[in-house]
Amino acid sequence: MKQTIELLAPAGNMDKLKMAIRYGADAVYCAGQRFGLRASSSNFSNEELKEAVDFVHTHGKKIHVTCNIIPHNEDLVGLEDYLKFLESIGVDAIIVADLGVFYLARKVAPKLQLHVSTQANTTNYLTAKFWKENGADRVVAAREMSIKDIHSMKEATDIEVEAFVHGAMCISYSGRCLLSNYFTKTRDANRGQCAQACRWRYHLVEETRPGEYYPIEEDEHGTYIFNSKDLCLLYHIPDFFKAGVDSLKIEGRMKSVHYAATVTHVYREAIDAYLEEGDNWKVRPEWVEELQKISHRPYTEGFSVDKPDEQAQNYGQSSNTQTHDFIGLVEGYNTEEGYAIVEQRNNFKLGDQVEFCQPHGPLVKYTISKLTDENGVDISVAPHPQMKTRIYIDRPLETYSMMRRKCKGTPLPEEPMIHKDCDSCGSC
């Protein structure tokens, strides 16, 4: 059995990066303000990238920076200096999709590890061998590969392999989208400006009947013919180990702090449990429940075991769902007086039934019975964004614990996660 497997978490900004590290990521991936595929994310300035590298390395972890646009000539301006900068501040690796970017990085920043993005569509071992022989340190398997295919690729080459384990999926081939640019004329998904056209409503129009819209599904709300469910491969942790995968990647640089921390926390616990339990490993119900609390679309296993069928699409709506709201962040605990210092992230009040997700400790459930402002003055509600409060609780809480509250009218689904029975996973 592999000794370990890297857990790679998304970091759309500094808060998300720090929370992902605190909640168990072995490495994070982020982007500067150019050359990445998430232009609408807040991303990192050069100064913030320096700070991020220092923070991550201080915690003994790694940081990968995305340079995975498919550039046109004008997009190359400044790229050489940027690559040299990333090398100079100690970035561990860059993620690239374009051969030109790959070529330039090898030439001007040879100390940077080169990870080949999923946008490069690596679906077979010959492609992986090509990248290895030309200087790549890792390939990110295309989402269209099954775990069995990844295993075969890993056996045929000694290059590191990274695979997506959780998060949103593009309907286009490993993210090489044509729809966004076609419909908007200006927003090129392959240059970082995705309009998420695959989430729009679509109807069928017959050529000789303009203006008459026919729903592809018999539903008065239309349909979402490109609307993939979110990937969740929690049940396949043992399969990834047996396949020799080196890194499990969580999608979601555009997602919230709550998402980044919660998903990282679940997969951290699952990986550590498998390393300890081996063949006795089972998926725990609390992990499944945690993945329902974050904002997400219904889950699918994608291409992991077999080609996805019609159940992998969400035909009802394109919006996300979640069972809990992130309402506060614990900044410390006063042991003498028995209260947690909580920064407000959403309105909460006396009598609310809440829970605290801790970076390392167990989930703590509590009903708020005494609440004050930061000076100890009694209040009944915390209405102001990021105001400091004291919540009196007789159990110490870890710093950076997330306080959550169940959303109204959102019970857990009867079947919270799709899982196709297989011969090798530890839960069947």
Protein backbone atom coordinates (compact mmCIF):
# COMPACT_ATOMS: atom_id res chain seq x y z
CA MET A 1 0.00 0.00 0.00
CA LYS A 2 1.17 3.54 -0.68
CA GLN A 3 2.35 5.28 2.47
CA THR A 4 0.17 8.28 1.74
CA ILE A 5 -1.55 10.22 -0.97
CA GLU A 6 -1.49 14.00 -1.40
CA LEU A 7 -4.69 15.90 -0.72
CA LEU A 8 -4.76 18.98 -2.97
CA ALA A 9 -7.27 21.69 -2.09
CA PRO A 10 -8.49 24.80 -3.94
CA ALA A 11 -7.55 28.30 -2.80
CA GLY A 12 -9.39 31.13 -4.55
CA ASN A 13 -8.06 33.73 -2.12
CA MET A 14 -5.92 33.99 1.01
CA ASP A 15 -8.72 33.10 3.45
CA LYS A 16 -9.56 29.95 1.54
CA LEU A 17 -5.90 28.99 1.26
CA LYS A 18 -5.29 29.31 4.99
CA MET A 19 -8.47 27.44 5.91
CA ALA A 20 -7.68 24.60 3.50
CA ILE A 21 -4.25 24.19 5.10
CA ARG A 22 -5.70 24.36 8.61
CA TYR A 23 -8.32 21.75 7.75
CA GLY A 24 -5.85 19.20 6.45
CA ALA A 25 -4.68 19.87 2.90
CA ASP A 26 -1.21 18.63 1.98
CA ALA A 27 -1.04 21.16 -0.83
CA VAL A 28 -3.14 23.97 -2.28
CA TYR A 29 -3.50 25.36 -5.78
CA CYS A 30 -4.19 28.98 -6.57
CA ALA A 31 -3.67 31.57 -9.30
CA GLY A 32 -2.10 34.94 -9.78
CA GLN A 33 -4.09 37.72 -11.38
CA ARG A 34 -3.20 36.54 -14.90
CA PHE A 35 -2.65 33.28 -16.77
CA GLY A 36 -5.13 31.16 -14.75
CA LEU A 37 -8.55 29.83 -15.74
CA ARG A 38 -10.59 31.61 -13.05
CA ALA A 39 -10.47 35.27 -14.03
CA SER A 40 -13.54 36.13 -11.93
CA SER A 41 -11.97 34.70 -8.78
CA SER A 42 -10.27 37.23 -6.52
CA ASN A 43 -6.96 35.39 -7.02
CA PHE A 44 -3.60 36.56 -5.69
CA SER A 45 -1.47 39.63 -6.29
CA ASN A 46 2.29 39.10 -6.45
CA GLU A 47 2.64 40.24 -2.85
CA GLU A 48 -0.11 37.87 -1.78
CA LEU A 49 1.57 35.01 -3.61
CA LYS A 50 4.74 35.68 -1.60
CA GLU A 51 2.68 35.64 1.60
CA ALA A 52 0.90 32.46 0.51
CA VAL A 53 4.18 30.64 -0.20
CA ASP A 54 5.54 31.65 3.21
CA PHE A 55 2.36 30.54 5.02
CA VAL A 56 2.13 27.20 3.23
CA HIS A 57 5.82 26.36 3.64
CA THR A 58 5.75 27.37 7.31
CA HIS A 59 3.12 24.66 7.76
CA GLY A 60 5.23 22.13 5.87
CA LYS A 61 2.85 22.01 2.89
CA LYS A 62 3.10 22.77 -0.83
CA ILE A 63 1.64 25.39 -3.17
CA HIS A 64 0.89 24.99 -6.88
CA VAL A 65 0.06 27.98 -9.08
CA THR A 66 -2.17 27.64 -12.13
CA CYS A 67 -0.86 28.93 -15.46
CA ASN A 68 -3.36 26.90 -17.45
CA ILE A 69 -4.93 29.31 -19.92
CA ILE A 70 -4.86 28.44 -23.62
CA PRO A 71 -3.15 31.71 -24.63
CA HIS A 72 -3.30 33.71 -27.83
CA ASN A 73 -0.25 35.76 -28.82
CA GLU A 74 -1.35 38.82 -26.89
CA ASP A 75 -1.81 36.73 -23.75
CA LEU A 76 1.90 35.89 -23.66
CA VAL A 77 2.94 39.44 -22.77
CA GLY A 78 4.50 39.37 -19.31
CA LEU A 79 4.46 35.59 -19.01
CA GLU A 80 8.24 35.17 -18.94
CA ASP A 81 8.69 37.63 -16.09
CA TYR A 82 5.81 36.04 -14.20
CA LEU A 83 7.29 32.54 -14.46
CA LYS A 84 10.65 33.81 -13.24
CA PHE A 85 8.86 35.50 -10.34
CA LEU A 86 7.08 32.30 -9.34
CA GLU A 87 10.38 30.45 -9.34
CA SER A 88 12.06 33.17 -7.28
CA ILE A 89 9.49 33.06 -4.44
CA GLY A 90 9.67 29.28 -4.10
CA VAL A 91 6.40 28.09 -5.65
CA ASP A 92 6.49 24.27 -5.64
CA ALA A 93 4.84 23.69 -9.02
CA ILE A 94 2.88 25.35 -11.79
CA ILE A 95 -0.08 23.78 -13.56
CA VAL A 96 0.03 24.24 -17.35
CA ALA A 97 -2.16 23.17 -20.26
CA ASP A 98 -0.52 24.82 -23.24
CA LEU A 99 2.67 23.56 -24.91
CA GLY A 100 3.94 27.09 -25.42
CA VAL A 101 3.61 27.92 -21.72
CA PHE A 102 5.22 24.56 -20.89
CA TYR A 103 8.13 25.29 -23.28
CA LEU A 104 8.72 28.76 -21.87
CA ALA A 105 8.58 27.58 -18.25
CA ARG A 106 11.22 24.91 -18.87
CA LYS A 107 13.44 27.49 -20.53
CA VAL A 108 13.20 30.44 -18.13
CA ALA A 109 12.21 28.86 -14.79
CA PRO A 110 13.78 25.39 -14.73
CA LYS A 111 13.44 24.94 -10.96
CA LEU A 112 9.63 24.99 -11.13
CA GLN A 113 7.96 21.59 -11.17
CA LEU A 114 5.60 21.28 -14.15
CA HIS A 115 2.20 19.70 -13.67
CA VAL A 116 0.17 19.12 -16.84
CA SER A 117 -3.40 20.35 -16.38
CA THR A 118 -6.55 18.34 -16.99
CA GLN A 119 -7.19 20.81 -19.85
CA ALA A 120 -4.37 19.07 -21.74
CA ASN A 121 -6.65 16.00 -21.98
CA THR A 122 -4.27 13.26 -20.87
CA THR A 123 -6.33 10.10 -21.34
CA ASN A 124 -3.70 7.42 -22.02
CA TYR A 125 -0.26 6.21 -20.96
CA LEU A 126 1.50 7.24 -24.19
CA THR A 127 0.55 10.86 -23.62
CA ALA A 128 1.76 10.57 -20.04
CA LYS A 129 5.07 9.12 -21.27
CA PHE A 130 5.45 12.00 -23.73
CA TRP A 131 5.00 14.56 -20.96
CA LYS A 132 7.45 12.71 -18.69
CA GLU A 133 10.14 12.48 -21.38
CA ASN A 134 9.76 16.20 -22.10
CA GLY A 135 10.20 17.33 -18.52
CA ALA A 136 6.80 17.16 -16.82
CA ASP A 137 6.75 16.05 -13.19
CA ARG A 138 3.04 15.24 -13.00
CA VAL A 139 -0.03 14.85 -15.20
CA VAL A 140 -3.57 15.57 -14.08
CA ALA A 141 -5.75 12.79 -15.44
CA ALA A 142 -8.60 13.89 -17.68
CA ARG A 143 -11.95 13.65 -15.95
CA GLU A 144 -13.06 11.23 -18.69
CA MET A 145 -10.71 8.53 -17.36
CA SER A 146 -11.95 5.76 -15.08
CA ILE A 147 -9.94 4.77 -12.03
CA LYS A 148 -9.09 1.54 -13.84
CA ASP A 149 -7.71 3.55 -16.78
CA ILE A 150 -5.70 5.73 -14.41
CA HIS A 151 -4.26 2.59 -12.79
CA SER A 152 -3.14 1.29 -16.19
CA MET A 153 -1.56 4.64 -17.04
CA LYS A 154 0.26 4.74 -13.72
CA GLU A 155 1.63 1.22 -14.23
CA ALA A 156 2.98 2.12 -17.69
CA THR A 157 4.90 5.24 -16.68
CA ASP A 158 6.69 6.53 -13.59
CA ILE A 159 5.25 10.06 -13.79
CA GLU A 160 3.17 11.34 -10.89
CA VAL A 161 -0.60 11.24 -11.51
CA GLU A 162 -3.16 13.60 -10.00
CA ALA A 163 -6.89 12.88 -10.20
CA PHE A 164 -10.01 14.89 -9.40
CA VAL A 165 -11.93 13.47 -6.47
CA HIS A 166 -14.61 16.08 -5.76
CA GLY A 167 -16.32 19.15 -7.21
CA ALA A 168 -18.04 20.64 -10.25
CA MET A 169 -17.53 19.20 -13.72
CA CYS A 170 -17.63 20.92 -17.11
CA ILE A 171 -19.79 19.28 -19.75
CA SER A 172 -17.08 19.93 -22.35
CA TYR A 173 -14.07 17.66 -22.77
CA SER A 174 -12.01 18.09 -19.58
CA GLY A 175 -12.90 21.74 -19.47
CA ARG A 176 -12.06 22.75 -23.05
CA CYS A 177 -15.25 24.74 -23.43
CA LEU A 178 -16.50 26.24 -26.69
CA LEU A 179 -19.96 27.37 -25.57
CA SER A 180 -18.97 30.32 -23.39
CA ASN A 181 -17.06 32.16 -26.12
CA TYR A 182 -19.60 31.25 -28.79
CA PHE A 183 -22.60 32.64 -26.93
CA THR A 184 -21.02 35.68 -25.29
CA LYS A 185 -18.50 36.58 -28.05
CA THR A 186 -16.09 37.98 -25.43
CA ARG A 187 -15.87 35.51 -22.51
CA ASP A 188 -13.41 32.75 -23.45
CA ALA A 189 -13.48 29.94 -20.89
CA ASN A 190 -10.08 28.76 -22.07
CA ARG A 191 -8.61 32.13 -21.17
CA GLY A 192 -10.19 32.38 -17.74
CA GLN A 193 -13.58 34.01 -18.32
CA CYS A 194 -16.13 31.17 -18.27
CA ALA A 195 -19.76 32.31 -18.41
CA GLN A 196 -20.98 28.83 -17.30
CA ALA A 197 -23.09 28.51 -20.44
CA CYS A 198 -23.49 24.81 -19.72
CA ARG A 199 -25.72 25.76 -16.77
CA TRP A 200 -28.20 27.81 -18.82
CA ARG A 201 -31.69 26.64 -19.75
CA TYR A 202 -32.01 25.23 -23.27
CA HIS A 203 -34.97 24.48 -25.54
CA LEU A 204 -35.15 23.10 -29.07
CA VAL A 205 -36.09 25.44 -31.95
CA GLU A 206 -37.14 24.00 -35.31
CA GLU A 207 -35.66 25.93 -38.27
CA THR A 208 -38.97 26.82 -39.95
CA ARG A 209 -40.71 27.73 -36.69
CA PRO A 210 -38.67 30.58 -35.19
CA GLY A 211 -39.87 31.69 -31.80
CA GLU A 212 -41.43 28.32 -30.97
CA TYR A 213 -39.45 26.71 -28.17
CA TYR A 214 -39.81 23.00 -27.51
CA PRO A 215 -38.56 21.64 -24.18
CA ILE A 216 -36.25 18.69 -24.62
CA GLU A 217 -37.74 17.22 -21.46
CA GLU A 218 -41.46 17.50 -20.81
CA ASP A 219 -41.12 20.15 -18.13
CA GLU A 220 -42.59 23.63 -18.11
CA HIS A 221 -39.34 25.01 -16.69
CA GLY A 222 -37.23 23.90 -19.64
CA THR A 223 -34.18 21.70 -19.23
CA TYR A 224 -30.50 21.85 -18.49
CA ILE A 225 -29.02 19.52 -21.09
CA PHE A 226 -25.40 20.29 -20.19
CA ASN A 227 -25.89 20.55 -16.43
CA SER A 228 -23.60 17.94 -14.88
CA LYS A 229 -23.98 16.90 -11.29
CA ASP A 230 -20.99 17.41 -9.01
CA LEU A 231 -18.29 14.79 -8.73
CA CYS A 232 -17.95 12.91 -5.44
CA LEU A 233 -15.58 9.95 -5.21
CA LEU A 234 -15.43 9.60 -1.42
CA TYR A 235 -16.36 5.93 -1.67
CA HIS A 236 -13.39 5.26 -3.94
CA ILE A 237 -10.54 6.30 -1.64
CA PRO A 238 -9.27 2.67 -1.51
CA ASP A 239 -9.38 2.42 -5.31
CA PHE A 240 -7.20 5.51 -5.71
CA PHE A 241 -4.63 4.07 -3.33
CA LYS A 242 -4.60 0.75 -5.17
CA ALA A 243 -4.30 2.56 -8.51
CA GLY A 244 -1.13 4.29 -7.32
CA VAL A 245 -2.53 7.81 -7.68
CA ASP A 246 -0.21 10.41 -6.15
CA SER A 247 -2.60 13.29 -5.55
CA LEU A 248 -6.35 13.70 -5.05
CA LYS A 249 -7.63 17.06 -6.23
CA ILE A 250 -10.67 18.96 -4.98
CA GLU A 251 -12.25 21.37 -7.47
CA GLY A 252 -13.50 24.72 -6.24
CA ARG A 253 -11.37 27.88 -6.35
CA MET A 254 -14.60 29.82 -6.92
CA LYS A 255 -16.31 28.18 -3.96
CA SER A 256 -16.61 29.53 -0.40
CA VAL A 257 -14.34 29.25 2.62
CA HIS A 258 -16.95 26.90 4.08
CA TYR A 259 -16.72 24.65 1.03
CA ALA A 260 -12.91 24.58 0.94
CA ALA A 261 -12.55 23.77 4.62
CA THR A 262 -15.40 21.24 4.87
CA VAL A 263 -14.52 19.17 1.80
CA THR A 264 -10.83 19.19 2.72
CA HIS A 265 -11.71 18.08 6.25
CA VAL A 266 -13.84 15.16 5.04
CA TYR A 267 -11.26 13.82 2.61
CA ARG A 268 -8.45 14.33 5.15
CA GLU A 269 -10.31 12.14 7.63
CA ALA A 270 -11.16 9.57 4.96
CA ILE A 271 -7.56 9.28 3.74
CA ASP A 272 -6.16 9.05 7.27
CA ALA A 273 -8.77 6.46 8.24
CA TYR A 274 -7.85 4.30 5.24
CA LEU A 275 -4.14 4.49 6.10
CA GLU A 276 -4.99 3.25 9.58
CA GLU A 277 -7.72 0.72 8.78
CA GLY A 278 -6.73 -0.66 5.37
CA ASP A 279 -9.17 -3.28 4.11
CA ASN A 280 -11.48 -2.65 7.08
CA TRP A 281 -12.10 0.92 5.91
CA LYS A 282 -15.71 2.02 5.44
CA VAL A 283 -17.31 5.34 4.53
CA ARG A 284 -18.66 6.92 7.69
CA PRO A 285 -22.18 8.41 7.67
CA GLU A 286 -20.90 11.65 9.17
CA TRP A 287 -18.62 12.19 6.15
CA VAL A 288 -21.56 11.83 3.80
CA GLU A 289 -23.61 14.21 5.93
CA GLU A 290 -20.82 16.81 5.94
CA LEU A 291 -20.71 16.84 2.14
CA GLN A 292 -24.42 17.70 2.10
CA LYS A 293 -23.89 20.74 4.30
CA ILE A 294 -21.87 22.68 1.73
CA SER A 295 -23.24 24.35 -1.39
CA HIS A 296 -23.29 21.73 -4.15
CA ARG A 297 -25.28 20.14 -6.95
CA PRO A 298 -26.43 16.53 -6.53
CA TYR A 299 -23.52 14.14 -6.62
CA THR A 300 -22.36 11.71 -9.27
CA GLU A 301 -19.38 9.39 -9.66
CA GLY A 302 -18.75 10.65 -13.20
CA PHE A 303 -16.46 8.42 -15.24
CA SER A 304 -14.78 6.79 -12.23
CA VAL A 305 -16.25 3.29 -12.66
CA ASP A 306 -18.15 3.42 -15.94
CA LYS A 307 -19.33 5.97 -18.47
CA PRO A 308 -21.95 8.20 -16.85
CA ASP A 309 -25.57 7.62 -17.80
CA GLU A 310 -28.55 9.96 -17.81
CA GLN A 311 -28.50 10.05 -14.00
CA ALA A 312 -25.30 12.10 -14.07
CA GLN A 313 -27.19 15.15 -15.33
CA ASN A 314 -29.35 17.46 -13.24
CA TYR A 315 -32.53 18.05 -15.24
CA GLY A 316 -34.44 20.15 -12.74
CA GLN A 317 -32.32 23.21 -11.99
CA SER A 318 -28.82 24.60 -12.24
CA SER A 319 -28.65 26.15 -8.78
CA ASN A 320 -26.86 24.61 -5.82
CA THR A 321 -28.31 23.24 -2.62
CA GLN A 322 -26.98 22.90 0.92
CA THR A 323 -28.28 21.89 4.33
CA HIS A 324 -26.29 24.29 6.53
CA ASP A 325 -25.18 27.93 6.54
CA PHE A 326 -21.74 29.08 7.69
CA ILE A 327 -22.54 31.77 10.26
CA GLY A 328 -19.42 32.35 12.36
CA LEU A 329 -15.70 31.71 12.73
CA VAL A 330 -14.12 30.97 16.11
CA GLU A 331 -11.12 33.26 16.74
CA GLY A 332 -10.23 31.95 20.18
CA TYR A 333 -11.50 30.49 23.44
CA ASN A 334 -11.31 32.04 26.93
CA THR A 335 -10.84 29.13 29.32
CA GLU A 336 -11.17 31.23 32.48
CA GLU A 337 -14.61 32.65 31.65
CA GLY A 338 -15.81 29.87 29.33
CA TYR A 339 -16.62 31.65 26.10
CA ALA A 340 -15.63 31.43 22.46
CA ILE A 341 -14.74 34.58 20.52
CA VAL A 342 -16.75 34.29 17.30
CA GLU A 343 -16.60 36.54 14.25
CA GLN A 344 -20.04 36.86 12.67
CA ARG A 345 -20.33 35.63 9.07
CA ASN A 346 -24.14 35.51 8.94
CA ASN A 347 -26.92 36.63 11.26
CA PHE A 348 -27.32 34.51 14.43
CA LYS A 349 -29.15 34.97 17.74
CA LEU A 350 -29.93 33.59 21.17
CA GLY A 351 -31.65 30.21 21.02
CA ASP A 352 -30.11 29.19 17.68
CA GLN A 353 -29.13 25.54 17.48
CA VAL A 354 -25.64 25.56 16.00
CA GLU A 355 -22.70 23.26 15.48
CA PHE A 356 -18.96 23.83 15.42
CA CYS A 357 -16.85 22.04 12.83
CA GLN A 358 -13.32 21.99 14.24
CA PRO A 359 -10.11 21.66 12.22
CA HIS A 360 -9.07 18.57 14.20
CA GLY A 361 -11.55 17.82 16.97
CA PRO A 362 -15.07 16.35 16.84
CA LEU A 363 -18.22 18.15 15.73
CA VAL A 364 -19.78 20.05 18.63
CA LYS A 365 -23.52 20.79 18.72
CA TYR A 366 -24.82 23.57 20.95
CA THR A 367 -27.80 25.87 21.59
CA ILE A 368 -26.73 29.50 22.10
CA SER A 369 -27.87 30.38 25.63
CA LYS A 370 -25.72 33.43 26.36
CA LEU A 371 -24.45 35.91 23.78
CA THR A 372 -22.56 39.19 24.24
CA ASP A 373 -20.65 41.67 22.12
CA GLU A 374 -16.85 41.69 22.25
CA ASN A 375 -16.94 43.86 25.42
CA GLY A 376 -19.19 41.48 27.33
CA VAL A 377 -22.45 43.45 26.94
CA ASP A 378 -25.46 41.14 26.59
CA ILE A 379 -27.06 41.06 23.13
CA SER A 380 -29.85 38.92 21.69
CA VAL A 381 -28.68 38.91 18.09
CA ALA A 382 -25.46 39.40 16.08
CA PRO A 383 -26.65 41.28 13.00
CA HIS A 384 -23.53 43.10 11.82
CA PRO A 385 -21.13 41.54 9.32
CA GLN A 386 -17.85 40.41 10.91
CA MET A 387 -18.76 41.78 14.34
CA LYS A 388 -16.93 40.09 17.23
CA THR A 389 -19.09 38.26 19.74
CA ARG A 390 -18.74 36.04 22.77
CA ILE A 391 -20.66 32.77 22.83
CA TYR A 392 -20.62 31.19 26.26
CA ILE A 393 -20.03 27.46 25.95
CA ASP A 394 -18.47 25.22 28.60
CA ARG A 395 -16.49 23.22 26.08
CA PRO A 396 -13.23 24.60 24.63
CA LEU A 397 -13.33 25.11 20.87
CA GLU A 398 -10.39 25.15 18.47
CA THR A 399 -9.41 28.40 16.81
CA TYR A 400 -10.75 28.54 13.22
CA SER A 401 -13.71 26.28 14.02
CA MET A 402 -16.65 27.05 11.73
CA MET A 403 -20.02 27.73 13.36
CA ARG A 404 -22.93 26.49 11.25
CA ARG A 405 -26.72 26.46 11.45
CA LYS A 406 -29.14 24.20 9.62
CA CYS A 407 -30.98 25.91 6.76
CA LYS A 408 -34.73 26.07 7.18
CA GLY A 409 -36.69 23.50 5.22
CA THR A 410 -33.72 21.53 3.93
CA PRO A 411 -33.79 17.99 5.32
CA LEU A 412 -31.10 15.56 4.27
CA PRO A 413 -32.10 13.67 1.11
CA GLU A 414 -33.10 10.04 1.49
CA GLU A 415 -30.26 9.01 -0.83
CA PRO A 416 -27.55 11.58 -0.11
CA MET A 417 -24.98 10.21 -2.54
CA ILE A 418 -24.95 8.04 -5.63
CA HIS A 419 -22.61 5.07 -5.41
CA LYS A 420 -22.44 2.30 -7.97
CA ASP A 421 -21.47 -0.97 -6.32
CA CYS A 422 -18.07 -2.18 -7.38
CA ASP A 423 -15.76 -5.07 -6.55
CA SER A 424 -12.87 -3.15 -5.08
CA CYS A 425 -14.07 -0.22 -2.99
CA GLY A 426 -14.04 -0.62 0.78
CA SER A 427 -17.71 0.19 1.24
CA CYS A 428 -19.42 -2.40 -0.93
